[in-house]
Amino acid sequence: MTINIYYHRSSTGNEIIKNYIKSLDEETQDAVYAFLRKFRDDSRFRQIPYTKKIHKDIFEIRIKVRDHFRILYAFIEKDSVILLHIFKKKTNKISRKDLKLAINRLKLYES
């Protein structure tokens, strides 16, 4: 089943996730977008080991190109997700700062 993917925008309209991806080298950009297409189109890529629940309503997408990248996301409807935060993973644990940022961004989509 295909799902819809939405990208978080700041209150000023800044496409934070897309801009981060654009800042990466071309090969890494291509790999990230290729994985997101698989994630969107094939439910197997929405399961472990590709994703993992890390908080009450927040999940992570795990992407390995040359480095390890994480995209934090949440379901906003049964068939829709919002990508909340992306970062290069440098340690084994997700920092509280990164998780808190995703939690705060998710609050903007909750009614």
N, C-alpha and C. Protein backbone atom coordinates (compact mmCIF):
# COMPACT_ATOMS: atom_id res chain seq x y z
N MET A 1 0.83 -1.18 0.00
CA MET A 1 0.00 0.00 0.00
C MET A 1 0.88 1.25 0.00
N THR A 2 0.58 2.15 -0.87
CA THR A 2 1.31 3.42 -0.96
C THR A 2 0.80 4.36 0.12
N ILE A 3 1.74 5.13 0.69
CA ILE A 3 1.36 6.15 1.67
C ILE A 3 1.77 7.52 1.13
N ASN A 4 1.19 8.54 1.70
CA ASN A 4 1.56 9.91 1.35
C ASN A 4 2.66 10.37 2.29
N ILE A 5 3.64 11.07 1.73
CA ILE A 5 4.73 11.62 2.54
C ILE A 5 4.66 13.13 2.44
N TYR A 6 4.62 13.78 3.61
CA TYR A 6 4.64 15.23 3.68
C TYR A 6 5.92 15.65 4.40
N TYR A 7 6.43 16.80 4.02
CA TYR A 7 7.66 17.32 4.61
C TYR A 7 7.31 18.51 5.51
N HIS A 8 7.84 18.48 6.72
CA HIS A 8 7.61 19.59 7.65
C HIS A 8 8.17 20.89 7.06
N ARG A 9 7.41 21.96 7.25
CA ARG A 9 7.85 23.31 6.89
C ARG A 9 7.82 24.16 8.14
N SER A 10 8.76 25.07 8.23
CA SER A 10 8.77 26.00 9.36
C SER A 10 7.61 26.97 9.22
N SER A 11 7.38 27.76 10.25
CA SER A 11 6.28 28.73 10.22
C SER A 11 6.49 29.78 9.13
N THR A 12 7.73 29.94 8.67
CA THR A 12 8.02 30.89 7.59
C THR A 12 8.00 30.23 6.21
N GLY A 13 7.66 28.93 6.18
CA GLY A 13 7.59 28.22 4.90
C GLY A 13 8.88 27.54 4.47
N ASN A 14 9.90 27.58 5.33
CA ASN A 14 11.18 26.95 5.02
C ASN A 14 11.01 25.43 4.99
N GLU A 15 11.40 24.81 3.89
CA GLU A 15 11.31 23.36 3.75
C GLU A 15 12.55 22.72 4.37
N ILE A 16 12.52 22.57 5.67
CA ILE A 16 13.68 22.17 6.46
C ILE A 16 14.26 20.83 6.01
N ILE A 17 13.43 19.82 5.84
CA ILE A 17 13.90 18.48 5.49
C ILE A 17 14.47 18.49 4.07
N LYS A 18 13.72 19.04 3.13
CA LYS A 18 14.19 19.09 1.74
C LYS A 18 15.48 19.90 1.61
N ASN A 19 15.57 21.01 2.35
CA ASN A 19 16.80 21.81 2.30
C ASN A 19 18.00 21.05 2.86
N TYR A 20 17.78 20.28 3.91
CA TYR A 20 18.88 19.47 4.46
C TYR A 20 19.34 18.47 3.42
N ILE A 21 18.39 17.79 2.78
CA ILE A 21 18.75 16.79 1.77
C ILE A 21 19.50 17.46 0.61
N LYS A 22 19.05 18.64 0.19
CA LYS A 22 19.72 19.37 -0.90
C LYS A 22 21.14 19.75 -0.53
N SER A 23 21.44 19.87 0.76
CA SER A 23 22.79 20.25 1.20
C SER A 23 23.77 19.08 1.11
N LEU A 24 23.25 17.87 0.91
CA LEU A 24 24.11 16.68 0.82
C LEU A 24 24.67 16.55 -0.59
N ASP A 25 25.73 15.75 -0.73
CA ASP A 25 26.27 15.53 -2.07
C ASP A 25 25.23 14.79 -2.93
N GLU A 26 25.39 14.87 -4.22
CA GLU A 26 24.39 14.35 -5.15
C GLU A 26 24.11 12.86 -4.97
N GLU A 27 25.14 12.07 -4.76
CA GLU A 27 24.96 10.63 -4.57
C GLU A 27 24.12 10.34 -3.32
N THR A 28 24.39 11.06 -2.26
CA THR A 28 23.64 10.87 -1.02
C THR A 28 22.20 11.34 -1.19
N GLN A 29 22.00 12.47 -1.85
CA GLN A 29 20.64 12.94 -2.14
C GLN A 29 19.85 11.87 -2.89
N ASP A 30 20.47 11.33 -3.93
CA ASP A 30 19.80 10.31 -4.74
C ASP A 30 19.43 9.09 -3.90
N ALA A 31 20.34 8.68 -3.01
CA ALA A 31 20.09 7.51 -2.16
C ALA A 31 18.96 7.78 -1.17
N VAL A 32 18.93 8.98 -0.59
CA VAL A 32 17.88 9.32 0.36
C VAL A 32 16.52 9.34 -0.34
N TYR A 33 16.44 10.01 -1.48
CA TYR A 33 15.16 10.06 -2.20
C TYR A 33 14.75 8.69 -2.73
N ALA A 34 15.71 7.87 -3.14
CA ALA A 34 15.38 6.51 -3.59
C ALA A 34 14.78 5.71 -2.44
N PHE A 35 15.37 5.85 -1.25
CA PHE A 35 14.82 5.13 -0.11
C PHE A 35 13.43 5.63 0.24
N LEU A 36 13.23 6.94 0.20
CA LEU A 36 11.91 7.49 0.52
C LEU A 36 10.85 7.01 -0.46
N ARG A 37 11.22 6.80 -1.72
CA ARG A 37 10.27 6.23 -2.69
C ARG A 37 9.91 4.80 -2.30
N LYS A 38 10.90 4.01 -1.90
CA LYS A 38 10.63 2.64 -1.44
C LYS A 38 9.75 2.66 -0.20
N PHE A 39 10.07 3.55 0.73
CA PHE A 39 9.30 3.71 1.96
C PHE A 39 7.84 4.05 1.63
N ARG A 40 7.65 4.92 0.68
CA ARG A 40 6.30 5.35 0.27
C ARG A 40 5.52 4.21 -0.39
N ASP A 41 6.18 3.45 -1.26
CA ASP A 41 5.50 2.50 -2.14
C ASP A 41 5.44 1.06 -1.64
N ASP A 42 6.30 0.69 -0.72
CA ASP A 42 6.41 -0.71 -0.31
C ASP A 42 6.41 -0.81 1.22
N SER A 43 5.39 -1.43 1.77
CA SER A 43 5.25 -1.49 3.23
C SER A 43 6.40 -2.22 3.91
N ARG A 44 7.13 -3.06 3.19
CA ARG A 44 8.29 -3.74 3.80
C ARG A 44 9.33 -2.74 4.27
N PHE A 45 9.40 -1.58 3.60
CA PHE A 45 10.38 -0.56 3.97
C PHE A 45 9.87 0.34 5.09
N ARG A 46 8.71 0.01 5.64
CA ARG A 46 8.18 0.71 6.80
C ARG A 46 8.22 -0.19 8.03
N GLN A 47 9.09 -1.18 7.99
CA GLN A 47 9.24 -2.14 9.08
C GLN A 47 10.71 -2.24 9.47
N ILE A 48 10.96 -2.87 10.61
CA ILE A 48 12.33 -3.15 11.04
C ILE A 48 12.98 -4.01 9.96
N PRO A 49 14.19 -3.80 9.55
CA PRO A 49 15.25 -2.95 10.12
C PRO A 49 15.30 -1.54 9.55
N TYR A 50 14.39 -1.19 8.65
CA TYR A 50 14.43 0.12 7.99
C TYR A 50 13.84 1.23 8.84
N THR A 51 12.90 0.89 9.69
CA THR A 51 12.29 1.87 10.58
C THR A 51 12.18 1.29 11.98
N LYS A 52 12.00 2.18 12.93
CA LYS A 52 11.86 1.74 14.32
C LYS A 52 11.10 2.81 15.09
N LYS A 53 10.22 2.37 15.96
CA LYS A 53 9.51 3.30 16.84
C LYS A 53 10.49 3.75 17.93
N ILE A 54 10.59 5.06 18.13
CA ILE A 54 11.55 5.56 19.12
C ILE A 54 10.88 6.35 20.24
N HIS A 55 9.62 6.67 20.07
CA HIS A 55 8.87 7.42 21.08
C HIS A 55 7.40 7.12 20.86
N LYS A 56 6.58 7.61 21.72
CA LYS A 56 5.14 7.33 21.67
C LYS A 56 4.57 7.36 20.25
N ASP A 57 4.74 8.45 19.52
CA ASP A 57 4.18 8.59 18.18
C ASP A 57 5.25 8.83 17.12
N ILE A 58 6.51 8.72 17.48
CA ILE A 58 7.59 9.06 16.56
C ILE A 58 8.40 7.83 16.20
N PHE A 59 8.68 7.74 14.91
CA PHE A 59 9.46 6.64 14.35
C PHE A 59 10.68 7.22 13.67
N GLU A 60 11.66 6.35 13.41
CA GLU A 60 12.83 6.78 12.66
C GLU A 60 12.96 5.94 11.40
N ILE A 61 13.39 6.58 10.34
CA ILE A 61 13.79 5.89 9.11
C ILE A 61 15.30 5.82 9.18
N ARG A 62 15.84 4.65 8.91
CA ARG A 62 17.29 4.45 8.96
C ARG A 62 17.83 4.33 7.54
N ILE A 63 18.69 5.25 7.17
CA ILE A 63 19.26 5.25 5.83
C ILE A 63 20.77 5.23 5.96
N LYS A 64 21.40 4.29 5.28
CA LYS A 64 22.86 4.22 5.27
C LYS A 64 23.33 4.40 3.84
N VAL A 65 24.08 5.45 3.63
CA VAL A 65 24.70 5.69 2.32
C VAL A 65 26.19 5.55 2.58
N ARG A 66 26.89 6.63 2.71
CA ARG A 66 28.26 6.59 3.22
C ARG A 66 28.23 6.73 4.74
N ASP A 67 27.30 7.55 5.16
CA ASP A 67 27.08 7.79 6.58
C ASP A 67 25.70 7.26 6.93
N HIS A 68 25.39 7.31 8.20
CA HIS A 68 24.06 6.91 8.66
C HIS A 68 23.22 8.17 8.85
N PHE A 69 22.04 8.16 8.25
CA PHE A 69 21.12 9.28 8.40
C PHE A 69 19.85 8.76 9.04
N ARG A 70 19.20 9.63 9.81
CA ARG A 70 17.93 9.30 10.42
C ARG A 70 16.93 10.38 10.04
N ILE A 71 15.73 9.93 9.71
CA ILE A 71 14.62 10.84 9.49
C ILE A 71 13.55 10.47 10.51
N LEU A 72 13.18 11.42 11.34
CA LEU A 72 12.13 11.18 12.33
C LEU A 72 10.80 11.59 11.72
N TYR A 73 9.81 10.72 11.89
CA TYR A 73 8.51 10.95 11.27
C TYR A 73 7.40 10.45 12.17
N ALA A 74 6.17 10.83 11.79
CA ALA A 74 4.98 10.37 12.52
C ALA A 74 3.85 10.19 11.52
N PHE A 75 2.94 9.29 11.87
CA PHE A 75 1.73 9.12 11.07
C PHE A 75 0.76 10.23 11.45
N ILE A 76 0.24 10.92 10.45
CA ILE A 76 -0.75 11.96 10.72
C ILE A 76 -2.14 11.51 10.27
N GLU A 77 -2.18 10.47 9.51
CA GLU A 77 -3.41 9.78 9.12
C GLU A 77 -3.00 8.34 8.87
N LYS A 78 -3.97 7.49 8.63
CA LYS A 78 -3.67 6.07 8.43
C LYS A 78 -2.67 5.87 7.29
N ASP A 79 -2.81 6.65 6.23
CA ASP A 79 -1.96 6.45 5.07
C ASP A 79 -1.08 7.66 4.75
N SER A 80 -0.76 8.46 5.77
CA SER A 80 0.07 9.65 5.57
C SER A 80 1.06 9.82 6.71
N VAL A 81 2.27 10.22 6.35
CA VAL A 81 3.29 10.51 7.36
C VAL A 81 3.83 11.91 7.12
N ILE A 82 4.34 12.50 8.19
CA ILE A 82 5.01 13.79 8.12
C ILE A 82 6.46 13.57 8.53
N LEU A 83 7.39 13.97 7.67
CA LEU A 83 8.80 13.90 8.00
C LEU A 83 9.12 15.13 8.84
N LEU A 84 9.58 14.91 10.05
CA LEU A 84 9.73 15.98 11.03
C LEU A 84 11.15 16.51 11.17
N HIS A 85 12.13 15.62 11.04
CA HIS A 85 13.51 16.01 11.31
C HIS A 85 14.44 15.02 10.63
N ILE A 86 15.57 15.53 10.15
CA ILE A 86 16.59 14.66 9.55
C ILE A 86 17.94 15.07 10.12
N PHE A 87 18.80 14.09 10.32
CA PHE A 87 20.14 14.38 10.81
C PHE A 87 21.07 13.23 10.49
N LYS A 88 22.35 13.53 10.54
CA LYS A 88 23.40 12.53 10.36
C LYS A 88 23.64 11.90 11.73
N LYS A 89 23.56 10.61 11.79
CA LYS A 89 23.71 9.90 13.07
C LYS A 89 25.19 9.74 13.39
N LYS A 90 25.57 10.20 14.57
CA LYS A 90 26.98 10.16 14.97
C LYS A 90 27.23 9.26 16.17
N THR A 91 26.16 8.94 16.91
CA THR A 91 26.30 8.10 18.09
C THR A 91 25.24 7.00 18.04
N ASN A 92 25.30 6.09 19.00
CA ASN A 92 24.34 4.99 19.03
C ASN A 92 22.94 5.43 19.45
N LYS A 93 22.85 6.50 20.21
CA LYS A 93 21.55 6.97 20.68
C LYS A 93 21.16 8.25 19.96
N ILE A 94 19.86 8.42 19.81
CA ILE A 94 19.34 9.68 19.27
C ILE A 94 19.37 10.69 20.41
N SER A 95 19.91 11.86 20.12
CA SER A 95 20.04 12.86 21.18
C SER A 95 18.66 13.36 21.61
N ARG A 96 18.59 13.77 22.87
CA ARG A 96 17.34 14.34 23.39
C ARG A 96 16.94 15.57 22.59
N LYS A 97 17.93 16.34 22.16
CA LYS A 97 17.67 17.55 21.38
C LYS A 97 16.94 17.20 20.08
N ASP A 98 17.42 16.19 19.36
CA ASP A 98 16.79 15.78 18.10
C ASP A 98 15.38 15.25 18.34
N LEU A 99 15.22 14.43 19.36
CA LEU A 99 13.91 13.87 19.66
C LEU A 99 12.94 14.97 20.09
N LYS A 100 13.38 15.87 20.94
CA LYS A 100 12.52 16.97 21.41
C LYS A 100 12.08 17.85 20.24
N LEU A 101 12.98 18.09 19.31
CA LEU A 101 12.64 18.89 18.14
C LEU A 101 11.52 18.22 17.34
N ALA A 102 11.64 16.91 17.13
CA ALA A 102 10.60 16.17 16.40
C ALA A 102 9.28 16.19 17.16
N ILE A 103 9.33 16.02 18.47
CA ILE A 103 8.11 16.03 19.29
C ILE A 103 7.42 17.40 19.18
N ASN A 104 8.21 18.46 19.27
CA ASN A 104 7.63 19.81 19.19
C ASN A 104 7.03 20.08 17.80
N ARG A 105 7.69 19.60 16.77
CA ARG A 105 7.16 19.78 15.42
C ARG A 105 5.88 18.97 15.24
N LEU A 106 5.82 17.78 15.81
CA LEU A 106 4.62 16.95 15.69
C LEU A 106 3.42 17.64 16.33
N LYS A 107 3.64 18.35 17.42
CA LYS A 107 2.55 19.04 18.10
C LYS A 107 1.82 20.02 17.18
N LEU A 108 2.52 20.53 16.19
CA LEU A 108 1.92 21.46 15.24
C LEU A 108 0.86 20.79 14.36
N TYR A 109 0.93 19.46 14.25
CA TYR A 109 0.02 18.71 13.37
C TYR A 109 -1.10 18.02 14.14
N GLU A 110 -1.03 18.06 15.45
CA GLU A 110 -2.06 17.41 16.26
C GLU A 110 -3.21 18.37 16.52
N SER A 111 -4.41 17.84 16.50
CA SER A 111 -5.56 18.72 16.74
C SER A 111 -6.12 18.51 18.11
